Amino acid sequence: MRLGHLVERDAPLTAEAEALSVAGLTADSRAVKPGFVFAALPGTHVDGTAFIPQAVAAGAAAVVAAPGTDSGGVPLIASANPRRLFAHMAARFYGRQPDTIVAVTGTSGKTSVATFVREIWTAMGFRAASLGTVGVVSPSGTIELEHTTPDAMKLQEIAALLAAEKVEHLAIEASSHGLDQYRLDGLRIAAAGFTNLSHDHLDYHPTVDDYFNAKMRLFEDLVAPGGAAVINVDTPRGEEAAKRAAAHGLKVWSVGIKGQTIRVEGVRRDAGSQHITVSVHGRRYDVDLPLAGDFQVSNALIAAGLVLATGGDEPQVMHALQSLKGAKGRLELVGRSRTGAPVFVDYAHKPDALENALASLRPYTRGRLFVVFGCGGDRDRAKRPIMGEIATRLADRVYVTDDNPRTEEPASIRAAIMAAAPGAIEIGSRAAAIRAAVDALQAGDVLIVAGKGHEEGQKIGKQVLPFSDHEAVKAAIQGRDYHG
């Protein structure tokens, strides 16, 4: 493929540079091969321009970087926003994408919404896929990913592979990091969803407003005017997100108790499920939703809105909600103790998510509500006491344990939580904490093990050791110790 075709009119090139044949693109100097274009992108910890000499020595044919960068003697593709340019080049290089792509952003609920969208489309007979925290899930199986939103090159490669597999519909989780770093640019996104916004990732974004603005790039930069925005207006920032999406020329589908497009009229809870009454454009539907938790009602309806906004048949979509299974580790009932108490596993590792999970399980609790949780190391430290306060306020018994301590001292992380969690029980070993909680359950109690969800490893130091909350819970229910 010619370099001129990849760049088009995004950056000036000489006639000689336009005619260059490109064998591949990468932002990793270690992956450069002869004929590759190397993107020297600014990073959080390192600047890609420092690796231009290695890339050129490995055969890079051209370099994408900011104007004035020394490209080491090969053509410079200059842009004030090299990340965005590189994402568009990647889209042109791979070319193919599923016909219909939707994306969802928000602090919590992205994985559930993307999963629900895929499940609804599949129930309607489409070949569909979802991409995000739990990996790429398609008719061919599941592929794990390192990041919720992969880098632009990987994302475009996945989109092309899915299209080659005849996947027609794709739902993507759009993280704030991915949006801020222009990883999704170049995707043809027909509709976008917004779940909520709460305290998170302030180790990356300077302020909550910066965090919110990164999320809003999905609506203001990536969905073309005339596309759709499906927004939960019951949550903080929901109304503001709806106004900004409308100002960009998007058709807003407001969802929730205050929703004008998809309105929740009533909810009746049952053991592990809910009966909801919903109006869609004024038409009433009674839906048996096989999921626990108020936030799952919101997530399911945002998913329904994304499918409807991209042409889904309304009665068919609403009927499909009754067969949703959801993502692994999202308020998932893993088993029951010997006393019959249900044990849930949830990915809640942020204040808002933990609060939602506990509040959602309280109506199902006839006895005491238990929670086992911790906080990750090398991440936002401010949320640790916040989560400790939430846990002790909303649960009857709290076990503070290790999550993924990474390179931090685990005891110091637990101490920051315990400082705001009077009466909590501190047990460093996650397996031991889960076993202690399960052993203490009585009839009518409910336990939620929060923080790691679908993960099958625990990050301690520089290692990832085998660990599954699901398996630890099952072992505890069976009266066995779990060793990963």
Protein backbone atom coordinates (compact mmCIF):
# COMPACT_ATOMS: atom_id res chain seq x y z
CA MET A 1 0.00 0.00 0.00
CA ARG A 2 1.32 3.45 -0.90
CA LEU A 3 2.10 5.92 1.85
CA GLY A 4 0.13 8.60 -0.01
CA HIS A 5 -3.03 6.46 0.26
CA LEU A 6 -2.56 6.01 4.01
CA VAL A 7 -2.01 9.70 4.68
CA GLU A 8 -4.38 11.15 2.06
CA ARG A 9 -4.67 14.87 2.89
CA ASP A 10 -3.94 14.60 6.61
CA ALA A 11 -0.30 15.68 6.27
CA PRO A 12 1.91 17.13 3.50
CA LEU A 13 4.19 14.64 1.71
CA THR A 14 6.66 14.93 -1.13
CA ALA A 15 5.84 13.05 -4.32
CA GLU A 16 8.67 10.64 -3.54
CA ALA A 17 7.27 9.94 -0.06
CA GLU A 18 3.74 9.49 -1.41
CA ALA A 19 4.97 6.69 -3.68
CA LEU A 20 6.64 4.72 -0.86
CA SER A 21 5.32 1.20 -0.38
CA VAL A 22 4.27 0.51 3.22
CA ALA A 23 4.53 -3.01 4.64
CA GLY A 24 3.08 -2.24 8.08
CA LEU A 25 2.62 0.31 10.84
CA THR A 26 3.60 0.26 14.49
CA ALA A 27 4.14 2.51 17.49
CA ASP A 28 6.56 0.01 19.02
CA SER A 29 10.13 0.44 17.77
CA ARG A 30 10.84 -3.20 18.66
CA ALA A 31 8.22 -4.34 16.15
CA VAL A 32 9.57 -2.33 13.20
CA LYS A 33 10.41 -4.30 10.06
CA PRO A 34 11.68 -3.07 6.68
CA GLY A 35 9.05 -0.93 4.98
CA PHE A 36 7.14 -0.13 8.20
CA VAL A 37 5.91 3.30 9.25
CA PHE A 38 6.94 4.05 12.83
CA ALA A 39 4.70 6.31 14.92
CA ALA A 40 6.82 8.18 17.47
CA LEU A 41 4.00 8.95 19.89
CA PRO A 42 4.22 10.82 23.19
CA GLY A 43 3.65 8.41 26.06
CA THR A 44 2.77 8.62 29.73
CA HIS A 45 6.27 7.58 30.79
CA VAL A 46 8.42 7.74 27.63
CA ASP A 47 8.48 9.75 24.42
CA GLY A 48 8.42 7.71 21.24
CA THR A 49 10.76 10.14 19.48
CA ALA A 50 13.60 8.72 21.59
CA PHE A 51 13.26 5.44 19.67
CA ILE A 52 13.37 6.87 16.14
CA PRO A 53 17.04 5.87 15.62
CA GLN A 54 16.28 2.23 16.53
CA ALA A 55 13.22 2.24 14.26
CA VAL A 56 15.15 3.64 11.29
CA ALA A 57 17.97 1.15 11.88
CA ALA A 58 15.38 -1.64 11.76
CA GLY A 59 14.12 -0.47 8.37
CA ALA A 60 11.41 2.10 9.06
CA ALA A 61 10.41 3.76 5.77
CA ALA A 62 8.85 6.83 7.39
CA VAL A 63 8.10 8.33 10.80
CA VAL A 64 4.88 9.85 12.16
CA ALA A 65 5.67 12.58 14.70
CA ALA A 66 5.14 16.21 15.64
CA PRO A 67 6.37 18.90 13.21
CA GLY A 68 10.08 19.62 13.50
CA THR A 69 10.99 16.15 14.76
CA ASP A 70 14.29 14.72 13.53
CA SER A 71 13.11 11.66 11.60
CA GLY A 72 16.55 10.15 11.15
CA GLY A 73 16.77 10.68 7.41
CA VAL A 74 13.48 9.04 6.39
CA PRO A 75 10.34 11.00 5.43
CA LEU A 76 8.58 12.71 8.33
CA ILE A 77 4.79 12.55 8.36
CA ALA A 78 4.22 15.61 10.49
CA SER A 79 1.10 16.30 12.51
CA ALA A 80 0.26 18.41 15.54
CA ASN A 81 -1.78 15.39 16.67
CA PRO A 82 0.26 12.34 15.63
CA ARG A 83 -1.93 9.97 17.64
CA ARG A 84 -5.05 10.88 15.68
CA LEU A 85 -3.18 10.76 12.37
CA PHE A 86 -1.76 7.32 13.20
CA ALA A 87 -5.22 6.00 14.10
CA HIS A 88 -6.63 7.14 10.75
CA MET A 89 -3.64 5.64 8.92
CA ALA A 90 -4.26 2.34 10.72
CA ALA A 91 -7.92 2.42 9.65
CA ARG A 92 -6.90 2.92 6.00
CA PHE A 93 -4.22 0.25 6.21
CA TYR A 94 -6.60 -2.45 7.42
CA GLY A 95 -9.62 -1.10 5.56
CA ARG A 96 -12.39 -3.48 6.63
CA GLN A 97 -14.64 -3.02 9.65
CA PRO A 98 -17.95 -4.59 10.75
CA ASP A 99 -20.91 -2.86 9.13
CA THR A 100 -22.38 -1.59 12.40
CA ILE A 101 -20.19 -0.43 15.29
CA VAL A 102 -21.42 1.01 18.57
CA ALA A 103 -19.33 2.13 21.53
CA VAL A 104 -20.10 2.72 25.18
CA THR A 105 -18.28 4.85 27.74
CA GLY A 106 -18.72 5.66 31.42
CA THR A 107 -17.04 4.85 34.71
CA SER A 108 -18.96 1.63 35.34
CA GLY A 109 -21.12 -0.69 33.28
CA LYS A 110 -19.23 -0.59 29.98
CA THR A 111 -18.51 -4.32 29.94
CA SER A 112 -22.10 -5.25 30.76
CA VAL A 113 -23.53 -2.92 28.11
CA ALA A 114 -21.16 -4.15 25.39
CA THR A 115 -21.92 -7.77 26.34
CA PHE A 116 -25.67 -7.17 26.37
CA VAL A 117 -25.53 -5.48 22.95
CA ARG A 118 -23.70 -8.50 21.54
CA GLU A 119 -26.20 -10.88 23.14
CA ILE A 120 -29.19 -8.95 21.77
CA TRP A 121 -27.75 -8.86 18.26
CA THR A 122 -26.95 -12.57 18.46
CA ALA A 123 -30.52 -13.33 19.56
CA MET A 124 -31.70 -11.41 16.50
CA GLY A 125 -29.67 -13.68 14.23
CA PHE A 126 -26.67 -11.44 13.53
CA ARG A 127 -23.01 -12.45 13.75
CA ALA A 128 -21.92 -10.12 16.51
CA ALA A 129 -18.89 -9.42 18.70
CA SER A 130 -17.95 -7.33 21.72
CA LEU A 131 -14.57 -5.88 22.64
CA GLY A 132 -13.35 -4.64 26.00
CA THR A 133 -12.24 -5.62 29.47
CA VAL A 134 -13.00 -9.33 29.11
CA GLY A 135 -11.40 -9.44 25.64
CA VAL A 136 -12.79 -9.91 22.15
CA VAL A 137 -15.85 -12.16 22.25
CA SER A 138 -17.06 -13.32 18.84
CA PRO A 139 -18.64 -16.40 17.25
CA SER A 140 -15.08 -17.78 17.02
CA GLY A 141 -14.50 -17.61 20.79
CA THR A 142 -12.74 -15.24 23.20
CA ILE A 143 -9.35 -13.54 22.82
CA GLU A 144 -7.88 -11.77 25.86
CA LEU A 145 -6.71 -8.16 25.59
CA GLU A 146 -4.12 -6.23 27.58
CA HIS A 147 -6.20 -3.04 27.68
CA THR A 148 -9.95 -2.31 27.72
CA THR A 149 -9.46 -0.26 24.55
CA PRO A 150 -6.44 -1.56 22.58
CA ASP A 151 -4.03 0.77 20.79
CA ALA A 152 -5.21 2.11 17.45
CA MET A 153 -3.23 -0.38 15.36
CA LYS A 154 -4.44 -3.41 17.31
CA LEU A 155 -8.00 -2.14 17.35
CA GLN A 156 -8.09 -1.72 13.58
CA GLU A 157 -6.48 -5.13 13.10
CA ILE A 158 -9.19 -6.73 15.27
CA ALA A 159 -11.94 -4.89 13.39
CA ALA A 160 -10.57 -6.16 10.07
CA LEU A 161 -10.28 -9.74 11.35
CA LEU A 162 -13.86 -9.66 12.63
CA ALA A 163 -15.08 -8.32 9.31
CA ALA A 164 -13.22 -11.15 7.56
CA GLU A 165 -15.08 -13.59 9.86
CA LYS A 166 -18.32 -12.03 8.56
CA VAL A 167 -19.06 -10.36 11.90
CA GLU A 168 -21.57 -7.68 10.96
CA HIS A 169 -22.05 -5.99 14.34
CA LEU A 170 -19.48 -4.92 16.93
CA ALA A 171 -19.91 -3.34 20.38
CA ILE A 172 -16.83 -1.67 21.89
CA GLU A 173 -15.96 -0.40 25.35
CA ALA A 174 -14.46 3.07 25.05
CA SER A 175 -12.21 3.82 28.03
CA SER A 176 -11.23 7.36 28.95
CA HIS A 177 -7.58 6.46 28.29
CA GLY A 178 -8.48 5.10 24.86
CA LEU A 179 -10.49 8.19 23.98
CA ASP A 180 -7.89 10.62 25.31
CA GLN A 181 -5.18 8.84 23.31
CA TYR A 182 -7.22 8.73 20.07
CA ARG A 183 -7.22 4.92 19.89
CA LEU A 184 -10.79 4.74 18.53
CA ASP A 185 -10.34 7.41 15.85
CA GLY A 186 -10.86 5.93 12.41
CA LEU A 187 -13.64 3.57 13.49
CA ARG A 188 -17.02 4.19 11.88
CA ILE A 189 -19.14 4.43 15.03
CA ALA A 190 -22.87 4.67 14.40
CA ALA A 191 -24.06 5.14 17.98
CA ALA A 192 -22.54 5.71 21.42
CA GLY A 193 -23.75 5.04 24.95
CA PHE A 194 -23.03 6.79 28.26
CA THR A 195 -23.54 4.90 31.53
CA ASN A 196 -22.37 7.18 34.36
CA LEU A 197 -19.44 9.17 35.70
CA SER A 198 -17.84 8.95 39.13
CA HIS A 199 -14.44 9.13 40.84
CA ASP A 200 -11.88 7.16 38.85
CA HIS A 201 -8.60 7.44 36.92
CA LEU A 202 -7.59 10.69 38.59
CA ASP A 203 -4.06 9.35 38.58
CA TYR A 204 -4.22 9.95 34.80
CA HIS A 205 -6.73 12.77 34.31
CA PRO A 206 -5.90 16.00 36.20
CA THR A 207 -9.51 16.67 37.25
CA VAL A 208 -12.96 15.09 37.09
CA ASP A 209 -13.85 17.60 34.36
CA ASP A 210 -10.89 16.42 32.29
CA TYR A 211 -12.06 12.84 32.83
CA PHE A 212 -15.58 13.74 31.70
CA ASN A 213 -14.31 15.66 28.67
CA ALA A 214 -12.27 12.63 27.61
CA LYS A 215 -15.46 10.57 27.73
CA MET A 216 -17.32 13.19 25.70
CA ARG A 217 -14.86 12.85 22.81
CA LEU A 218 -16.85 9.77 21.88
CA PHE A 219 -19.94 11.90 21.21
CA GLU A 220 -18.35 15.13 20.02
CA ASP A 221 -15.54 13.78 17.82
CA LEU A 222 -16.19 10.15 16.87
CA VAL A 223 -19.91 9.72 16.17
CA ALA A 224 -20.78 11.69 13.07
CA PRO A 225 -23.63 14.24 13.22
CA GLY A 226 -26.86 12.38 12.59
CA GLY A 227 -25.71 9.40 14.64
CA ALA A 228 -27.22 8.40 17.97
CA ALA A 229 -26.33 8.93 21.64
CA VAL A 230 -27.96 6.63 24.20
CA ILE A 231 -27.55 8.21 27.63
CA ASN A 232 -28.52 7.28 31.17
CA VAL A 233 -29.97 10.58 32.39
CA ASP A 234 -30.57 9.34 35.95
CA THR A 235 -26.89 9.66 36.87
CA PRO A 236 -24.72 12.71 37.60
CA ARG A 237 -23.49 14.27 34.34
CA GLY A 238 -26.11 12.36 32.33
CA GLU A 239 -28.14 15.45 31.48
CA GLU A 240 -24.97 17.37 30.59
CA ALA A 241 -23.79 14.51 28.38
CA ALA A 242 -27.18 14.52 26.62
CA LYS A 243 -27.02 18.27 25.98
CA ARG A 244 -23.49 18.10 24.59
CA ALA A 245 -24.39 15.17 22.34
CA ALA A 246 -27.46 17.01 21.04
CA ALA A 247 -25.37 20.13 20.41
CA HIS A 248 -23.10 18.00 18.22
CA GLY A 249 -26.10 17.00 16.09
CA LEU A 250 -26.66 13.53 17.53
CA LYS A 251 -30.10 12.04 18.07
CA VAL A 252 -30.35 11.57 21.84
CA TRP A 253 -32.05 8.50 23.31
CA SER A 254 -32.49 9.30 27.01
CA VAL A 255 -32.76 6.24 29.25
CA GLY A 256 -33.82 5.75 32.87
CA ILE A 257 -36.50 6.71 35.35
CA LYS A 258 -36.19 10.25 33.95
CA GLY A 259 -35.73 8.96 30.40
CA GLN A 260 -37.85 10.45 27.64
CA THR A 261 -37.09 7.77 25.05
CA ILE A 262 -36.74 4.62 27.16
CA ARG A 263 -38.40 5.13 30.53
CA VAL A 264 -38.38 2.74 33.51
CA GLU A 265 -41.96 2.67 34.78
CA GLY A 266 -41.57 0.06 37.50
CA VAL A 267 -39.31 -2.66 38.94
CA ARG A 268 -40.28 -5.74 40.96
CA ARG A 269 -37.40 -7.78 42.36
CA ASP A 270 -37.31 -11.53 42.66
CA ALA A 271 -34.58 -13.99 43.71
CA GLY A 272 -31.70 -13.01 41.43
CA SER A 273 -33.93 -11.44 38.76
CA GLN A 274 -36.23 -8.48 38.17
CA HIS A 275 -39.53 -7.81 36.46
CA ILE A 276 -39.39 -4.39 34.82
CA THR A 277 -42.02 -2.30 33.11
CA VAL A 278 -40.55 -0.09 30.39
CA SER A 279 -41.95 2.36 27.87
CA VAL A 280 -40.15 2.88 24.55
CA HIS A 281 -41.37 5.93 22.66
CA GLY A 282 -44.54 5.59 24.74
CA ARG A 283 -45.08 1.88 24.00
CA ARG A 284 -45.18 -0.35 27.09
CA TYR A 285 -43.22 -3.57 27.59
CA ASP A 286 -43.12 -5.96 30.53
CA VAL A 287 -39.72 -7.66 30.72
CA ASP A 288 -38.44 -10.42 32.99
CA LEU A 289 -34.78 -9.46 33.30
CA PRO A 290 -32.68 -12.41 34.54
CA LEU A 291 -30.19 -10.14 36.35
CA ALA A 292 -29.87 -8.69 39.84
CA GLY A 293 -29.18 -5.03 40.55
CA ASP A 294 -30.73 -1.70 39.66
CA PHE A 295 -27.66 -0.74 37.63
CA GLN A 296 -28.15 -3.82 35.46
CA VAL A 297 -31.59 -2.49 34.53
CA SER A 298 -29.90 0.68 33.32
CA ASN A 299 -27.15 -1.25 31.52
CA ALA A 300 -29.66 -3.53 29.78
CA LEU A 301 -31.76 -0.59 28.61
CA ILE A 302 -28.74 1.34 27.33
CA ALA A 303 -27.83 -1.78 25.36
CA ALA A 304 -31.38 -2.00 24.02
CA GLY A 305 -31.20 1.66 23.03
CA LEU A 306 -27.96 1.15 21.11
CA VAL A 307 -29.48 -1.75 19.17
CA LEU A 308 -32.72 0.14 18.50
CA ALA A 309 -30.81 3.29 17.47
CA THR A 310 -28.95 1.27 14.83
CA GLY A 311 -32.06 -0.27 13.29
CA GLY A 312 -33.12 -3.07 15.64
CA ASP A 313 -36.75 -4.22 15.61
CA GLU A 314 -38.33 -2.90 18.81
CA PRO A 315 -40.44 -5.90 19.95
CA GLN A 316 -37.62 -8.28 19.06
CA VAL A 317 -35.06 -6.23 20.99
CA MET A 318 -37.21 -5.97 24.11
CA HIS A 319 -37.96 -9.70 24.02
CA ALA A 320 -34.22 -10.46 23.77
CA LEU A 321 -33.63 -8.72 27.13
CA GLN A 322 -35.28 -11.71 28.81
CA SER A 323 -32.45 -14.04 27.76
CA LEU A 324 -29.46 -11.89 28.74
CA LYS A 325 -26.66 -13.71 30.51
CA GLY A 326 -24.22 -10.85 31.07
CA ALA A 327 -20.46 -10.69 31.38
CA LYS A 328 -18.43 -12.95 33.65
CA GLY A 329 -17.79 -11.39 37.04
CA ARG A 330 -20.47 -8.70 36.77
CA LEU A 331 -22.70 -9.26 39.80
CA GLU A 332 -22.52 -12.94 38.94
CA LEU A 333 -24.07 -15.53 41.25
CA VAL A 334 -21.27 -18.09 41.65
CA GLY A 335 -22.85 -20.37 44.22
CA ARG A 336 -24.54 -20.74 47.59
CA SER A 337 -23.01 -21.56 50.93
CA ARG A 338 -24.02 -24.63 52.90
CA THR A 339 -26.56 -22.43 54.66
CA GLY A 340 -28.08 -21.40 51.32
CA ALA A 341 -26.62 -17.88 51.30
CA PRO A 342 -25.88 -16.62 47.77
CA VAL A 343 -22.32 -15.56 46.90
CA PHE A 344 -21.78 -13.04 44.10
CA VAL A 345 -18.57 -12.04 42.32
CA ASP A 346 -18.34 -8.54 40.88
CA TYR A 347 -15.65 -6.47 39.17
CA ALA A 348 -16.48 -3.39 41.29
CA HIS A 349 -13.10 -1.78 41.98
CA LYS A 350 -14.18 1.85 41.98
CA PRO A 351 -16.19 3.75 44.61
CA ASP A 352 -19.30 4.22 42.51
CA ALA A 353 -19.29 0.62 41.31
CA LEU A 354 -18.90 -0.74 44.85
CA GLU A 355 -21.71 1.49 46.10
CA ASN A 356 -24.00 0.39 43.27
CA ALA A 357 -23.24 -3.29 43.80
CA LEU A 358 -23.92 -3.16 47.54
CA ALA A 359 -27.05 -1.07 47.14
CA SER A 360 -28.31 -3.44 44.47
CA LEU A 361 -27.90 -6.52 46.67
CA ARG A 362 -29.48 -5.02 49.79
CA PRO A 363 -33.07 -5.66 48.59
CA TYR A 364 -32.21 -9.36 48.17
CA THR A 365 -30.76 -9.61 51.69
CA ARG A 366 -33.00 -10.92 54.49
CA GLY A 367 -30.11 -11.23 56.95
CA ARG A 368 -26.69 -9.60 56.74
CA LEU A 369 -24.87 -8.23 53.70
CA PHE A 370 -21.17 -9.24 53.56
CA VAL A 371 -18.46 -7.79 51.32
CA VAL A 372 -14.86 -8.86 50.64
CA PHE A 373 -12.79 -6.27 48.77
CA GLY A 374 -9.46 -4.47 48.44
CA CYS A 375 -7.87 -1.82 46.24
CA GLY A 376 -5.25 -2.09 43.53
CA GLY A 377 -1.68 -0.87 43.98
CA ASP A 378 0.04 1.69 41.73
CA ARG A 379 -3.36 3.22 41.00
CA ASP A 380 -5.54 6.07 42.26
CA ARG A 381 -4.82 6.17 46.03
CA ALA A 382 -7.55 8.67 46.85
CA LYS A 383 -10.30 6.12 46.31
CA ARG A 384 -9.08 3.74 49.06
CA PRO A 385 -10.62 5.50 52.09
CA ILE A 386 -13.66 6.39 49.98
CA MET A 387 -14.28 2.70 49.28
CA GLY A 388 -13.66 1.83 52.92
CA GLU A 389 -16.34 4.29 53.99
CA ILE A 390 -18.79 3.00 51.38
CA ALA A 391 -18.28 -0.62 52.41
CA THR A 392 -18.82 -0.01 56.13
CA ARG A 393 -21.82 2.22 55.49
CA LEU A 394 -23.64 -0.18 53.18
CA ALA A 395 -22.55 -3.65 54.33
CA ASP A 396 -23.07 -5.35 57.68
CA ARG A 397 -19.75 -7.18 57.69
CA VAL A 398 -16.66 -6.00 55.80
CA TYR A 399 -13.52 -7.99 55.01
CA VAL A 400 -10.62 -5.87 53.74
CA THR A 401 -8.08 -7.90 51.76
CA ASP A 402 -5.57 -7.64 48.92
CA ASP A 403 -6.65 -6.93 45.35
CA ASN A 404 -3.77 -6.48 42.89
CA PRO A 405 -1.11 -4.80 45.05
CA ARG A 406 1.37 -4.67 42.16
CA THR A 407 4.59 -3.00 43.36
CA GLU A 408 3.08 -1.38 46.48
CA GLU A 409 3.29 -2.83 49.98
CA PRO A 410 -0.08 -4.65 50.40
CA ALA A 411 -0.36 -3.77 54.08
CA SER A 412 -0.15 -0.04 53.32
CA ILE A 413 -3.02 -0.32 50.84
CA ARG A 414 -5.15 -2.17 53.37
CA ALA A 415 -4.26 0.40 56.03
CA ALA A 416 -5.55 3.26 53.85
CA ILE A 417 -8.86 1.42 53.47
CA MET A 418 -9.08 0.41 57.14
CA ALA A 419 -8.57 4.03 58.24
CA ALA A 420 -12.08 4.76 56.93
CA ALA A 421 -13.60 1.36 57.71
CA PRO A 422 -14.15 1.04 61.47
CA GLY A 423 -15.12 -2.48 62.46
CA ALA A 424 -13.86 -4.06 59.25
CA ILE A 425 -11.96 -7.35 59.41
CA GLU A 426 -8.50 -7.24 57.82
CA ILE A 427 -7.21 -10.46 56.23
CA GLY A 428 -4.33 -10.02 53.79
CA SER A 429 -4.71 -13.32 51.93
CA ARG A 430 -7.59 -12.94 49.50
CA ALA A 431 -8.32 -16.66 49.53
CA ALA A 432 -8.38 -16.70 53.34
CA ALA A 433 -10.67 -13.65 53.44
CA ILE A 434 -13.11 -15.29 51.04
CA ARG A 435 -13.03 -18.54 53.04
CA ALA A 436 -13.66 -16.66 56.31
CA ALA A 437 -16.60 -14.76 54.84
CA VAL A 438 -18.20 -17.86 53.31
CA ASP A 439 -17.79 -19.82 56.55
CA ALA A 440 -19.56 -17.05 58.49
CA LEU A 441 -22.63 -16.91 56.24
CA GLN A 442 -25.99 -17.87 57.72
CA ALA A 443 -29.39 -18.36 56.11
CA GLY A 444 -30.65 -15.05 54.69
CA ASP A 445 -27.16 -13.54 54.35
CA VAL A 446 -25.64 -12.40 51.06
CA LEU A 447 -21.92 -12.13 50.19
CA ILE A 448 -20.30 -10.14 47.40
CA VAL A 449 -16.62 -10.60 46.56
CA ALA A 450 -15.70 -7.38 44.80
CA GLY A 451 -12.80 -6.02 42.80
CA LYS A 452 -11.41 -8.67 40.46
CA GLY A 453 -14.45 -10.11 38.73
CA HIS A 454 -13.44 -12.09 35.66
CA GLU A 455 -9.68 -11.86 36.33
CA GLU A 456 -7.75 -15.10 36.65
CA GLY A 457 -4.53 -13.70 38.09
CA GLN A 458 -3.35 -11.57 41.00
CA LYS A 459 -0.66 -8.98 40.32
CA ILE A 460 1.88 -9.08 43.14
CA GLY A 461 5.13 -7.23 42.54
CA LYS A 462 6.10 -7.82 38.93
CA GLN A 463 4.43 -11.23 38.83
CA VAL A 464 0.93 -12.34 37.91
CA LEU A 465 0.05 -15.32 40.09
CA PRO A 466 -2.91 -17.60 39.27
CA PHE A 467 -5.99 -16.51 41.19
CA SER A 468 -9.72 -16.61 40.48
CA ASP A 469 -12.39 -15.23 42.77
CA HIS A 470 -14.78 -17.73 41.20
CA GLU A 471 -12.59 -20.70 42.09
CA ALA A 472 -11.81 -19.32 45.55
CA VAL A 473 -15.55 -18.98 46.24
CA LYS A 474 -16.30 -22.49 44.99
CA ALA A 475 -13.50 -23.95 47.11
CA ALA A 476 -14.74 -22.10 50.20
CA ILE A 477 -18.30 -23.34 49.63
CA GLN A 478 -16.92 -26.88 49.45
CA GLY A 479 -14.93 -26.34 52.65
CA ARG A 480 -11.56 -26.44 50.86
CA ASP A 481 -8.61 -24.06 51.02
CA TYR A 482 -7.79 -22.37 47.72
CA HIS A 483 -4.20 -21.90 46.61
CA GLY A 484 -4.63 -20.45 43.12
